[in-house]
N, C-alpha and C. Protein backbone atom coordinates (compact mmCIF):
# COMPACT_ATOMS: atom_id res chain seq x y z
N MET A 1 0.95 -1.23 0.11
CA MET A 1 0.05 0.11 0.04
C MET A 1 0.73 1.38 0.21
N ILE A 2 0.39 2.07 -0.73
CA ILE A 2 1.19 3.44 -0.70
C ILE A 2 0.21 4.46 0.08
N ILE A 3 1.01 5.13 1.31
CA ILE A 3 0.38 6.18 1.83
C ILE A 3 1.17 7.53 1.38
N ILE A 4 -0.21 8.49 0.97
CA ILE A 4 0.69 9.70 0.58
C ILE A 4 0.04 10.97 1.62
N THR A 5 1.08 11.74 2.06
CA THR A 5 0.02 13.05 3.25
C THR A 5 0.85 13.92 2.27
N GLY A 6 0.27 15.17 2.82
CA GLY A 6 0.32 16.53 1.92
C GLY A 6 -0.30 17.72 2.78
N THR A 7 0.11 18.71 2.36
CA THR A 7 -0.30 19.96 2.88
C THR A 7 -0.54 21.20 2.11
N ALA A 8 -1.54 22.30 2.02
CA ALA A 8 -1.30 23.22 1.08
C ALA A 8 -1.77 24.62 2.31
N THR A 9 -1.03 25.63 2.21
CA THR A 9 -1.81 26.30 3.10
C THR A 9 -2.10 27.82 2.35
N ALA A 10 -3.29 27.96 1.92
CA ALA A 10 -4.03 29.23 1.45
C ALA A 10 -3.65 30.44 2.12
N ARG A 11 -3.58 31.44 1.28
CA ARG A 11 -3.96 32.91 1.46
C ARG A 11 -5.22 33.18 2.29
N ALA A 12 -5.01 34.00 2.75
CA ALA A 12 -6.49 34.31 3.74
C ALA A 12 -7.75 34.66 2.82
N ASP A 13 -7.07 35.14 1.35
CA ASP A 13 -8.39 35.53 0.36
C ASP A 13 -8.75 34.58 -0.40
N SER A 14 -8.09 33.38 -0.09
CA SER A 14 -8.13 32.73 -1.26
C SER A 14 -8.46 30.72 -0.53
N PHE A 15 -8.77 30.73 0.68
CA PHE A 15 -8.73 29.68 1.46
C PHE A 15 -10.62 28.84 0.68
N GLU A 16 -11.46 29.66 0.74
CA GLU A 16 -12.68 28.97 0.19
C GLU A 16 -12.46 28.37 -0.98
N ALA A 17 -11.45 29.14 -2.17
CA ALA A 17 -11.36 28.27 -3.23
C ALA A 17 -10.44 27.35 -3.20
N LEU A 18 -9.50 27.32 -2.09
CA LEU A 18 -8.55 25.99 -2.17
C LEU A 18 -9.24 24.99 -1.56
N LEU A 19 -10.39 25.15 -0.82
CA LEU A 19 -10.56 24.28 -0.16
C LEU A 19 -11.95 23.77 -0.93
N GLN A 20 -12.61 24.46 -1.75
CA GLN A 20 -13.44 23.82 -2.58
C GLN A 20 -12.70 22.91 -3.80
N ALA A 21 -11.45 23.36 -4.12
CA ALA A 21 -10.69 22.80 -5.17
C ALA A 21 -10.20 21.45 -4.35
N SER A 22 -10.11 21.37 -3.17
CA SER A 22 -9.68 20.20 -2.48
C SER A 22 -10.86 19.09 -2.59
N LEU A 23 -11.80 19.60 -2.09
CA LEU A 23 -13.05 19.02 -1.77
C LEU A 23 -13.24 18.29 -3.20
N ASP A 24 -13.25 18.82 -4.49
CA ASP A 24 -13.36 18.19 -5.26
C ASP A 24 -12.31 17.45 -6.05
N HIS A 25 -11.27 17.65 -5.56
CA HIS A 25 -10.33 16.49 -5.87
C HIS A 25 -10.36 15.30 -5.25
N VAL A 26 -10.69 15.47 -3.85
CA VAL A 26 -11.08 13.87 -3.05
C VAL A 26 -12.26 13.46 -3.60
N GLN A 27 -13.18 13.95 -3.89
CA GLN A 27 -14.42 13.44 -4.56
C GLN A 27 -13.97 12.60 -5.69
N ARG A 28 -13.06 13.59 -6.36
CA ARG A 28 -13.02 12.80 -8.11
C ARG A 28 -11.86 11.47 -7.72
N SER A 29 -11.00 11.51 -6.69
CA SER A 29 -9.82 10.56 -6.63
C SER A 29 -10.46 9.47 -5.81
N ARG A 30 -11.43 9.39 -5.27
CA ARG A 30 -11.98 8.56 -4.62
C ARG A 30 -12.83 7.15 -5.26
N GLY A 31 -12.83 7.98 -6.82
CA GLY A 31 -13.65 7.12 -7.49
C GLY A 31 -12.40 6.32 -8.49
N GLU A 32 -11.49 6.52 -8.18
CA GLU A 32 -9.96 5.81 -8.96
C GLU A 32 -9.75 4.42 -8.54
N ASP A 33 -9.34 3.78 -9.39
CA ASP A 33 -8.94 2.54 -9.25
C ASP A 33 -7.97 2.40 -8.38
N GLY A 34 -7.72 1.72 -7.50
CA GLY A 34 -6.70 1.22 -6.63
C GLY A 34 -6.84 2.55 -5.27
N CYS A 35 -8.20 3.61 -5.33
CA CYS A 35 -7.58 4.51 -4.23
C CYS A 35 -8.76 3.67 -3.21
N ILE A 36 -7.61 3.55 -1.83
CA ILE A 36 -8.62 2.88 -0.52
C ILE A 36 -9.07 3.86 0.38
N SER A 37 -8.62 5.02 0.27
CA SER A 37 -9.15 6.61 1.06
C SER A 37 -8.26 7.40 0.38
N HIS A 38 -9.12 8.42 0.64
CA HIS A 38 -8.66 9.84 0.21
C HIS A 38 -9.15 11.04 1.15
N SER A 39 -8.65 11.94 1.88
CA SER A 39 -9.26 12.75 2.78
C SER A 39 -8.50 13.93 2.57
N VAL A 40 -9.19 15.38 2.90
CA VAL A 40 -8.76 16.61 3.30
C VAL A 40 -9.14 17.15 4.85
N GLN A 41 -8.37 17.63 5.57
CA GLN A 41 -9.11 18.40 6.58
C GLN A 41 -8.63 19.76 6.83
N ILE A 42 -9.10 20.19 8.07
CA ILE A 42 -8.36 21.73 8.16
C ILE A 42 -7.46 21.74 9.32
N ASP A 43 -6.41 22.12 9.27
CA ASP A 43 -5.43 22.27 10.42
C ASP A 43 -5.92 22.54 11.47
N ALA A 44 -6.09 21.96 12.81
CA ALA A 44 -6.58 22.70 13.88
C ALA A 44 -5.60 23.62 14.62
N GLU A 45 -4.32 23.74 14.14
CA GLU A 45 -3.09 24.64 14.68
C GLU A 45 -3.30 25.87 14.01
N ASP A 46 -3.80 25.40 12.39
CA ASP A 46 -3.33 26.66 11.51
C ASP A 46 -4.78 26.65 10.59
N PRO A 47 -5.47 27.27 10.58
CA PRO A 47 -7.19 27.20 10.14
C PRO A 47 -6.68 27.26 8.50
N LEU A 48 -5.40 28.02 8.20
CA LEU A 48 -5.44 28.15 6.52
C LEU A 48 -4.57 26.92 5.61
N THR A 49 -4.24 25.88 6.68
CA THR A 49 -3.77 25.04 5.99
C THR A 49 -4.47 23.83 5.99
N LEU A 50 -4.63 22.95 4.73
CA LEU A 50 -5.34 21.77 4.55
C LEU A 50 -4.29 20.43 4.91
N VAL A 51 -4.90 19.71 5.33
CA VAL A 51 -4.16 18.54 5.22
C VAL A 51 -4.36 17.41 4.51
N PHE A 52 -3.71 16.52 3.71
CA PHE A 52 -4.23 15.35 2.96
C PHE A 52 -3.66 14.01 3.36
N PHE A 53 -4.61 13.06 3.47
CA PHE A 53 -4.15 11.77 3.59
C PHE A 53 -4.96 10.69 2.47
N GLU A 54 -3.96 9.96 2.07
CA GLU A 54 -4.42 9.14 1.07
C GLU A 54 -3.54 7.85 1.36
N ARG A 55 -4.84 6.52 0.96
CA ARG A 55 -3.49 5.53 0.92
C ARG A 55 -4.60 4.93 -0.64
N TRP A 56 -3.26 4.47 -0.98
CA TRP A 56 -3.79 3.78 -2.74
C TRP A 56 -2.88 2.41 -2.35
N ARG A 57 -3.55 1.70 -3.03
CA ARG A 57 -3.15 -0.05 -3.60
C ARG A 57 -2.08 -0.18 -4.01
N ASP A 58 -1.41 0.28 -4.73
CA ASP A 58 -0.06 0.15 -5.39
C ASP A 58 0.57 1.16 -5.89
N MET A 59 1.84 1.53 -6.20
CA MET A 59 2.52 2.43 -7.12
C MET A 59 1.79 2.61 -8.43
N ALA A 60 1.65 2.07 -8.92
CA ALA A 60 0.78 1.80 -10.35
C ALA A 60 -0.32 2.47 -10.38
N ALA A 61 -1.42 2.46 -9.16
CA ALA A 61 -2.45 3.20 -9.05
C ALA A 61 -2.32 4.74 -8.53
N VAL A 62 -0.64 5.22 -7.84
CA VAL A 62 -0.49 6.53 -7.60
C VAL A 62 -0.33 6.76 -9.05
N GLN A 63 0.52 6.56 -9.75
CA GLN A 63 1.21 7.14 -11.08
C GLN A 63 -0.05 7.21 -11.73
N LEU A 64 -0.77 6.26 -12.02
CA LEU A 64 -1.96 6.42 -12.63
C LEU A 64 -3.02 7.66 -12.35
N HIS A 65 -2.91 7.85 -10.93
CA HIS A 65 -3.60 8.96 -10.44
C HIS A 65 -2.98 10.46 -10.87
N PHE A 66 -1.51 10.29 -10.75
CA PHE A 66 -0.81 11.74 -10.91
C PHE A 66 -1.03 12.04 -12.46
N LEU A 67 -1.73 11.06 -13.38
CA LEU A 67 -1.41 11.31 -14.85
C LEU A 67 -3.23 11.73 -15.42
N GLN A 68 -3.85 11.87 -14.35
CA GLN A 68 -5.44 11.93 -14.66
C GLN A 68 -5.30 13.71 -14.91
N PRO A 69 -6.16 14.05 -15.79
CA PRO A 69 -6.19 15.81 -16.01
C PRO A 69 -6.70 16.59 -14.76
N GLY A 70 -7.46 15.62 -13.80
CA GLY A 70 -7.96 16.65 -12.54
C GLY A 70 -6.90 16.76 -11.83
N SER A 71 -6.03 15.81 -11.41
CA SER A 71 -4.89 15.99 -10.57
C SER A 71 -3.85 16.91 -11.18
N GLY A 72 -3.82 17.31 -12.42
CA GLY A 72 -2.80 18.51 -13.05
C GLY A 72 -3.61 19.61 -12.96
N GLU A 73 -4.90 19.83 -12.71
CA GLU A 73 -5.91 21.09 -12.43
C GLU A 73 -5.75 21.14 -11.03
N PHE A 74 -5.58 20.08 -10.14
CA PHE A 74 -5.61 20.52 -8.79
C PHE A 74 -4.17 21.30 -8.27
N MET A 75 -3.17 20.63 -8.90
CA MET A 75 -1.79 20.95 -8.64
C MET A 75 -1.90 22.71 -9.27
N ASP A 76 -2.80 22.81 -10.04
CA ASP A 76 -2.51 24.13 -10.63
C ASP A 76 -3.20 25.16 -9.77
N ALA A 77 -4.46 24.71 -9.02
CA ALA A 77 -5.42 25.50 -7.98
C ALA A 77 -4.24 25.45 -6.60
N ILE A 78 -3.81 24.67 -6.17
CA ILE A 78 -2.42 24.91 -5.35
C ILE A 78 -1.95 25.92 -5.67
N LYS A 79 -0.89 25.91 -6.67
CA LYS A 79 -0.23 27.04 -6.56
C LYS A 79 -0.93 28.39 -7.06
N ALA A 80 -2.36 28.28 -7.60
CA ALA A 80 -2.86 29.96 -7.69
C ALA A 80 -3.51 30.46 -6.36
N PHE A 81 -3.59 29.15 -5.60
CA PHE A 81 -4.62 29.83 -3.86
C PHE A 81 -3.56 30.01 -3.20
N SER A 82 -2.31 29.06 -2.92
CA SER A 82 -1.53 28.88 -1.63
C SER A 82 -0.38 30.13 -1.45
N ALA A 83 -0.48 30.22 -0.04
CA ALA A 83 0.62 31.13 0.31
C ALA A 83 2.10 30.95 0.24
N ARG A 84 2.16 29.32 -0.06
CA ARG A 84 3.57 29.02 0.23
C ARG A 84 3.61 27.53 -0.86
N PRO A 85 4.80 27.24 -0.94
CA PRO A 85 4.55 25.62 -1.83
C PRO A 85 4.04 24.57 -0.56
N GLY A 86 3.13 23.82 -1.09
CA GLY A 86 2.76 22.72 -0.19
C GLY A 86 3.82 21.81 -0.01
N THR A 87 3.22 20.67 0.45
CA THR A 87 4.26 19.43 0.57
C THR A 87 3.32 18.18 0.11
N LEU A 88 4.39 17.11 -0.21
CA LEU A 88 4.03 16.07 -0.33
C LEU A 88 4.88 14.93 -0.29
N ASP A 89 4.36 14.11 0.50
CA ASP A 89 5.23 12.82 0.81
C ASP A 89 4.41 11.55 0.50
N LEU A 90 5.54 10.43 -0.20
CA LEU A 90 4.64 9.02 -0.34
C LEU A 90 5.62 8.03 0.66
N TYR A 91 4.82 6.85 1.25
CA TYR A 91 5.16 6.12 2.02
C TYR A 91 4.92 5.04 1.49
N GLU A 92 5.75 3.88 1.36
CA GLU A 92 5.28 2.37 1.24
C GLU A 92 5.11 1.80 2.62
N ALA A 93 4.11 1.12 2.68
CA ALA A 93 3.48 0.65 3.99
C ALA A 93 2.82 -0.74 4.09
N SER A 94 2.41 -1.61 5.03
CA SER A 94 1.74 -2.91 4.68
C SER A 94 1.07 -2.84 6.32
N PRO A 95 -0.27 -3.00 6.53
CA PRO A 95 -0.90 -3.21 7.67
C PRO A 95 0.00 -4.15 8.19
N ILE A 96 -0.47 -4.44 10.07
CA ILE A 96 0.17 -5.23 10.65
C ILE A 96 -1.18 -5.74 11.04
N ASN A 97 -1.40 -6.92 11.09
CA ASN A 97 -2.50 -7.72 11.71
C ASN A 97 -2.24 -8.26 13.10
N ARG A 98 -3.04 -8.22 13.85
CA ARG A 98 -3.11 -8.30 15.42
C ARG A 98 -3.84 -9.38 15.50
């Protein structure tokens, strides 16, 4: 499984636009093959920062996700509405069965 975490911090005048673009992206991504979960939250310590958490079946699904036109449009929205560059980290993980 691939886990992706990320952040995007909006300018005060563009928070609602970035939030809507994020929600649209999350909804679209959830329907993609290989998406286990995809979510966005507002950071409790910095309400202009959005935090993303995604789980994907494998790297092939992630690569296909990044090739989708909607992913490119979302990256354009982050650039347009953010106060500073966002973060994006990918991890390979496997569940621990107890």
